[in-house]
Amino acid sequence: MKHKSKLGKSNWQFWLIISIPLLYAIVFAYIPMGGILMAFKDYSIRKGILGSDWVGLKYFIQFLSSTSSIKVIMNTLILGVYTLVVNFPFPIILAIMLNEIKCVRFKKTVQMVTYAPYFISTVVMVGMMMQMMDLRTGIFNIFLQKFGFKPINFFGDVSLFRHLYVWSGLWQTIGYSSIIYIAALSGVSTELKEAAMMDGASRMQKIWHVDLPGILPTIVIMLIFSCGNIVNIGLDKVYLMQNSLNADVSEVISTFVYKVGVVNADFGFSTASGLFQSIVSFTLLIAVNKLSKIVTETSLW
């Protein structure tokens, strides 16, 4: 017993470091879970969460039966799938390309250039987009007019909203997302690469038969996480890019929850909407993980 107590005292720095993220998780992740009860109650500030009247699944039925809610769900799914299709493969391609570069200085330069946009805040990012795509003074429209084309109202055109959201997100996150694949590629056996080259394999054949199989478990794990986040479209960027002209395609669950819950003070309905989003995400994660385990024998658990 004395030995155990001495061991605990000698590692107090370790426990101190662990306590910080643990405290953060408890305060900001676990304690707020009690608010889920509002999705099943007619919440009243005067009565509180526990004292408010129980309404059961009323708000879930209301959310799933409303035509506006169905449109919001469809917008979220379309934007989420589009984001997955674009943002998932390109970091892998970038990582493979960087792995094939022999010049260390050029490789680090490309890494820095592609990684730097990740540190731009969402507010600044959207502000830059609005300035560069302004109908009159934006650099994109200036170039279009110089080449004889008509200016484009990028943020007013409904058909362009999803493209702007997804491809600007790719530009901002491709370098950061490729880091894990670069790390995985560094662990691919050099003996296999040398054997492939000695057998006369071309660069593309080496990538296809050695590099990609070597990082396949990492790709599968990241795909599972990405599929689980299909409906988890963040509030900040969509809300900043949203206006009355593109609201038909830009209204997603997160913005809907914000407007209903915070602006209209309908806390029960907004909580039910947000809980529905979490349930869908959890279900997708379980389903994709199960499918991955059957097909590739790689899974989270």
Protein backbone atom coordinates (compact mmCIF):
# COMPACT_ATOMS: atom_id res chain seq x y z
CA MET A 1 0.00 0.00 0.00
CA LYS A 2 2.83 2.36 0.85
CA HIS A 3 4.45 1.59 -2.50
CA LYS A 4 1.21 2.47 -4.35
CA SER A 5 0.80 5.75 -2.49
CA LYS A 6 4.38 6.74 -3.22
CA LEU A 7 3.87 5.87 -6.88
CA GLY A 8 0.78 8.08 -7.04
CA LYS A 9 2.56 10.99 -5.37
CA SER A 10 5.56 10.71 -7.65
CA ASN A 11 3.30 10.94 -10.75
CA TRP A 12 1.24 13.94 -9.63
CA GLN A 13 2.31 15.89 -12.73
CA PHE A 14 0.80 13.21 -14.95
CA TRP A 15 -2.50 13.24 -13.04
CA LEU A 16 -2.55 17.04 -13.16
CA ILE A 17 -2.20 17.02 -16.95
CA ILE A 18 -4.92 14.35 -17.26
CA SER A 19 -7.25 16.28 -14.96
CA ILE A 20 -7.43 19.31 -17.31
CA PRO A 21 -8.99 17.54 -20.34
CA LEU A 22 -11.04 15.35 -17.99
CA LEU A 23 -12.49 18.43 -16.28
CA TYR A 24 -13.15 19.98 -19.69
CA ALA A 25 -15.03 16.85 -20.83
CA ILE A 26 -17.10 16.70 -17.65
CA VAL A 27 -18.07 20.38 -17.69
CA PHE A 28 -18.70 20.84 -21.43
CA ALA A 29 -19.67 17.33 -22.59
CA TYR A 30 -21.25 15.31 -19.77
CA ILE A 31 -22.99 17.89 -17.57
CA PRO A 32 -24.85 19.47 -20.56
CA MET A 33 -26.29 16.03 -21.39
CA GLY A 34 -28.91 16.70 -18.75
CA GLY A 35 -30.38 19.27 -21.11
CA ILE A 36 -31.51 16.44 -23.40
CA LEU A 37 -34.57 16.16 -21.14
CA MET A 38 -35.87 19.37 -22.71
CA ALA A 39 -36.56 17.43 -25.92
CA PHE A 40 -39.25 15.47 -24.03
CA LYS A 41 -40.70 18.36 -22.01
CA ASP A 42 -42.65 21.57 -22.55
CA TYR A 43 -39.75 23.55 -21.11
CA SER A 44 -40.52 26.54 -18.95
CA ILE A 45 -37.78 28.76 -17.53
CA ARG A 46 -39.90 29.32 -14.41
CA LYS A 47 -40.41 25.60 -13.74
CA GLY A 48 -36.95 24.46 -14.84
CA ILE A 49 -36.00 21.29 -16.70
CA LEU A 50 -37.16 18.83 -14.03
CA GLY A 51 -40.34 20.73 -13.19
CA SER A 52 -41.56 21.29 -16.76
CA ASP A 53 -44.47 19.24 -18.11
CA TRP A 54 -43.62 15.95 -19.84
CA VAL A 55 -44.72 15.80 -23.51
CA GLY A 56 -42.98 12.62 -24.66
CA LEU A 57 -42.19 12.43 -28.38
CA LYS A 58 -44.33 15.44 -29.32
CA TYR A 59 -41.45 17.56 -30.62
CA PHE A 60 -39.85 14.66 -32.54
CA ILE A 61 -43.14 13.98 -34.33
CA GLN A 62 -43.54 17.69 -34.99
CA PHE A 63 -40.01 17.90 -36.40
CA LEU A 64 -40.30 14.84 -38.65
CA SER A 65 -43.79 15.73 -39.92
CA SER A 66 -43.08 19.37 -40.79
CA THR A 67 -42.39 20.14 -44.47
CA SER A 68 -39.78 22.73 -43.53
CA SER A 69 -38.00 20.19 -41.32
CA ILE A 70 -37.90 17.63 -44.14
CA LYS A 71 -36.26 20.25 -46.39
CA VAL A 72 -33.74 21.02 -43.63
CA ILE A 73 -32.90 17.31 -43.25
CA MET A 74 -32.47 16.90 -47.01
CA ASN A 75 -30.24 20.00 -47.21
CA THR A 76 -28.09 18.62 -44.38
CA LEU A 77 -27.74 15.20 -46.00
CA ILE A 78 -26.92 16.60 -49.45
CA LEU A 79 -24.33 19.00 -48.08
CA GLY A 80 -22.85 16.31 -45.82
CA VAL A 81 -22.54 13.72 -48.58
CA TYR A 82 -21.10 16.29 -50.98
CA THR A 83 -18.53 17.28 -48.34
CA LEU A 84 -17.60 13.63 -47.75
CA VAL A 85 -17.20 12.87 -51.47
CA VAL A 86 -14.88 15.85 -51.99
CA ASN A 87 -13.05 16.24 -48.67
CA PHE A 88 -12.24 12.57 -48.05
CA PRO A 89 -10.21 11.44 -51.11
CA PHE A 90 -8.23 14.62 -51.83
CA PRO A 91 -6.14 14.59 -48.60
CA ILE A 92 -5.15 11.00 -49.43
CA ILE A 93 -4.11 12.04 -52.93
CA LEU A 94 -2.14 15.00 -51.55
CA ALA A 95 -0.39 12.77 -48.99
CA ILE A 96 0.64 10.27 -51.68
CA MET A 97 1.90 13.07 -53.93
CA LEU A 98 3.94 14.58 -51.10
CA ASN A 99 5.30 11.15 -50.22
CA GLU A 100 6.63 10.80 -53.77
CA ILE A 101 8.47 14.15 -53.72
CA LYS A 102 12.21 13.66 -53.25
CA CYS A 103 13.19 17.30 -52.76
CA VAL A 104 12.81 17.90 -49.02
CA ARG A 105 12.69 21.70 -49.30
CA PHE A 106 9.95 21.67 -51.94
CA LYS A 107 8.03 19.05 -49.98
CA LYS A 108 8.08 21.15 -46.80
CA THR A 109 7.08 24.26 -48.75
CA VAL A 110 4.04 22.51 -50.22
CA GLN A 111 3.12 21.16 -46.81
CA MET A 112 3.32 24.61 -45.26
CA VAL A 113 1.28 26.25 -48.05
CA THR A 114 -1.48 23.64 -47.86
CA TYR A 115 -1.46 23.44 -44.06
CA ALA A 116 -1.53 27.21 -43.34
CA PRO A 117 -5.18 27.90 -44.36
CA TYR A 118 -6.36 25.60 -41.56
CA PHE A 119 -5.41 28.31 -39.04
CA ILE A 120 -7.66 30.91 -40.68
CA SER A 121 -10.76 31.39 -38.55
CA THR A 122 -14.15 30.69 -40.09
CA VAL A 123 -15.22 34.33 -39.77
CA VAL A 124 -12.11 35.55 -41.58
CA MET A 125 -12.47 32.79 -44.17
CA VAL A 126 -16.05 33.73 -45.06
CA GLY A 127 -15.12 37.42 -45.01
CA MET A 128 -12.33 36.77 -47.52
CA MET A 129 -14.74 34.86 -49.74
CA MET A 130 -17.27 37.69 -49.66
CA GLN A 131 -14.64 40.27 -50.51
CA MET A 132 -13.10 38.27 -53.35
CA MET A 133 -16.50 37.28 -54.79
CA ASP A 134 -18.24 40.62 -54.41
CA LEU A 135 -20.51 41.38 -57.36
CA ARG A 136 -18.81 44.72 -58.12
CA THR A 137 -15.39 44.85 -56.50
CA GLY A 138 -14.52 41.15 -56.10
CA ILE A 139 -11.35 39.97 -57.80
CA PHE A 140 -13.14 36.99 -59.36
CA ASN A 141 -15.76 39.16 -61.03
CA ILE A 142 -13.13 41.67 -62.16
CA PHE A 143 -11.30 38.87 -63.98
CA LEU A 144 -14.55 37.57 -65.45
CA GLN A 145 -15.42 41.01 -66.84
CA LYS A 146 -11.95 41.46 -68.32
CA PHE A 147 -12.41 38.22 -70.26
CA GLY A 148 -15.83 39.34 -71.51
CA PHE A 149 -18.03 37.40 -69.09
CA LYS A 150 -20.85 38.79 -66.99
CA PRO A 151 -20.26 39.14 -63.22
CA ILE A 152 -21.66 36.37 -61.02
CA ASN A 153 -23.52 36.89 -57.77
CA PHE A 154 -21.74 34.02 -56.02
CA PHE A 155 -23.50 34.34 -52.67
CA GLY A 156 -26.86 35.12 -54.24
CA ASP A 157 -26.96 32.19 -56.64
CA VAL A 158 -28.71 29.22 -54.99
CA SER A 159 -26.95 26.71 -57.24
CA LEU A 160 -23.49 27.90 -56.13
CA PHE A 161 -23.88 27.78 -52.35
CA ARG A 162 -23.00 24.11 -51.87
CA HIS A 163 -20.02 24.35 -54.23
CA LEU A 164 -18.67 27.39 -52.39
CA TYR A 165 -19.10 25.72 -49.02
CA VAL A 166 -17.49 22.39 -49.94
CA TRP A 167 -14.58 23.53 -52.12
CA SER A 168 -13.60 26.39 -49.82
CA GLY A 169 -13.64 23.85 -46.98
CA LEU A 170 -11.38 21.57 -48.99
CA TRP A 171 -8.89 24.40 -49.58
CA GLN A 172 -8.87 25.19 -45.87
CA THR A 173 -8.53 21.66 -44.49
CA ILE A 174 -6.78 19.53 -47.13
CA GLY A 175 -3.29 20.10 -45.72
CA TYR A 176 -4.32 19.41 -42.12
CA SER A 177 -6.32 16.31 -43.08
CA SER A 178 -3.42 14.87 -45.06
CA ILE A 179 -1.08 14.79 -42.03
CA ILE A 180 -2.42 11.50 -40.69
CA TYR A 181 -2.00 9.85 -44.11
CA ILE A 182 1.55 11.21 -44.45
CA ALA A 183 2.33 9.68 -41.06
CA ALA A 184 0.78 6.38 -42.13
CA LEU A 185 2.78 6.36 -45.39
CA SER A 186 6.00 6.83 -43.45
CA GLY A 187 5.31 3.50 -41.76
CA VAL A 188 4.91 1.53 -44.99
CA SER A 189 7.65 -1.09 -45.30
CA THR A 190 10.62 0.14 -47.34
CA GLU A 191 11.48 -3.48 -48.14
CA LEU A 192 8.19 -3.87 -49.98
CA LYS A 193 8.82 -0.69 -51.94
CA GLU A 194 12.33 -1.82 -52.92
CA ALA A 195 11.05 -5.26 -53.87
CA ALA A 196 8.36 -3.72 -56.06
CA MET A 197 10.91 -1.49 -57.81
CA MET A 198 13.26 -4.44 -58.36
CA ASP A 199 10.37 -6.39 -59.93
CA GLY A 200 9.95 -3.58 -62.45
CA ALA A 201 6.88 -1.93 -60.95
CA SER A 202 6.19 1.61 -62.13
CA ARG A 203 5.55 4.45 -59.70
CA MET A 204 1.77 4.15 -60.11
CA GLN A 205 1.94 0.39 -59.62
CA LYS A 206 3.99 0.86 -56.46
CA ILE A 207 1.45 3.33 -55.12
CA TRP A 208 -1.48 1.08 -55.98
CA HIS A 209 -0.03 -2.24 -54.76
CA VAL A 210 2.21 -1.11 -51.87
CA ASP A 211 1.37 2.35 -50.53
CA LEU A 212 -2.43 2.20 -50.62
CA PRO A 213 -2.69 -1.30 -49.06
CA GLY A 214 -0.23 -0.15 -46.39
CA ILE A 215 -2.43 2.78 -45.30
CA LEU A 216 -5.77 1.06 -45.96
CA PRO A 217 -6.57 0.54 -42.23
CA THR A 218 -6.03 4.27 -41.63
CA ILE A 219 -8.22 5.16 -44.63
CA VAL A 220 -11.02 2.88 -43.39
CA ILE A 221 -10.94 4.31 -39.86
CA MET A 222 -11.05 7.88 -41.16
CA LEU A 223 -13.88 6.96 -43.52
CA ILE A 224 -15.91 5.59 -40.61
CA PHE A 225 -15.46 8.83 -38.69
CA SER A 226 -16.31 10.89 -41.78
CA CYS A 227 -19.49 8.91 -42.45
CA GLY A 228 -20.54 9.39 -38.83
CA ASN A 229 -20.20 13.15 -39.28
CA ILE A 230 -22.26 13.43 -42.47
CA VAL A 231 -25.15 15.21 -40.75
CA ASN A 232 -22.93 17.14 -38.31
CA ILE A 233 -22.70 20.29 -40.43
CA GLY A 234 -21.27 23.05 -38.24
CA LEU A 235 -23.27 26.18 -37.52
CA ASP A 236 -20.64 28.87 -37.96
CA LYS A 237 -19.68 28.67 -41.63
CA VAL A 238 -23.15 27.86 -42.98
CA TYR A 239 -24.73 30.64 -40.91
CA LEU A 240 -22.15 33.20 -42.04
CA MET A 241 -22.62 32.25 -45.70
CA GLN A 242 -26.40 32.16 -45.44
CA ASN A 243 -28.67 34.92 -46.74
CA SER A 244 -32.27 35.31 -47.90
CA LEU A 245 -31.35 34.39 -51.48
CA ASN A 246 -29.71 31.01 -50.75
CA ALA A 247 -31.77 30.03 -47.67
CA ASP A 248 -33.59 27.28 -49.58
CA VAL A 249 -30.40 25.18 -49.80
CA SER A 250 -28.36 26.61 -46.91
CA GLU A 251 -30.83 25.92 -44.09
CA VAL A 252 -29.39 22.88 -42.29
CA ILE A 253 -30.19 21.27 -38.95
CA SER A 254 -27.61 23.29 -36.99
CA THR A 255 -28.89 26.66 -38.28
CA PHE A 256 -32.47 25.48 -37.82
CA VAL A 257 -31.78 24.55 -34.19
CA TYR A 258 -30.14 27.94 -33.58
CA LYS A 259 -33.03 29.93 -35.06
CA VAL A 260 -35.77 27.92 -33.38
CA GLY A 261 -34.05 27.54 -30.02
CA VAL A 262 -32.14 30.78 -29.51
CA VAL A 263 -34.01 33.28 -31.69
CA ASN A 264 -37.57 31.96 -31.20
CA ALA A 265 -36.92 30.56 -27.70
CA ASP A 266 -38.60 27.23 -28.51
CA PHE A 267 -36.11 25.22 -26.48
CA GLY A 268 -37.92 21.90 -26.45
CA PHE A 269 -38.38 21.73 -30.22
CA SER A 270 -34.80 22.84 -30.93
CA THR A 271 -33.41 20.29 -28.44
CA ALA A 272 -35.42 17.53 -30.12
CA SER A 273 -34.05 18.61 -33.51
CA GLY A 274 -30.46 18.57 -32.23
CA LEU A 275 -30.98 15.20 -30.51
CA PHE A 276 -32.35 13.77 -33.76
CA GLN A 277 -29.15 14.90 -35.49
CA SER A 278 -27.03 13.18 -32.84
CA ILE A 279 -29.05 9.96 -33.08
CA VAL A 280 -28.64 9.87 -36.87
CA SER A 281 -24.88 10.44 -36.53
CA PHE A 282 -24.57 7.66 -33.94
CA THR A 283 -26.62 5.28 -36.10
CA LEU A 284 -24.49 6.02 -39.17
CA LEU A 285 -21.31 5.45 -37.16
CA ILE A 286 -22.52 2.07 -35.89
CA ALA A 287 -23.76 0.97 -39.34
CA VAL A 288 -20.62 1.99 -41.24
CA ASN A 289 -18.38 0.46 -38.57
CA LYS A 290 -20.30 -2.85 -38.82
CA LEU A 291 -20.15 -2.81 -42.62
CA SER A 292 -16.44 -2.02 -42.56
CA LYS A 293 -15.78 -4.91 -40.20
CA ILE A 294 -17.54 -7.30 -42.58
CA VAL A 295 -15.95 -6.01 -45.79
CA THR A 296 -12.41 -5.01 -44.76
CA GLU A 297 -12.02 -6.60 -41.27
CA THR A 298 -11.01 -3.13 -40.02
CA SER A 299 -13.23 -1.29 -37.55
CA LEU A 300 -13.24 0.96 -34.50
CA TRP A 301 -14.28 -1.91 -32.25
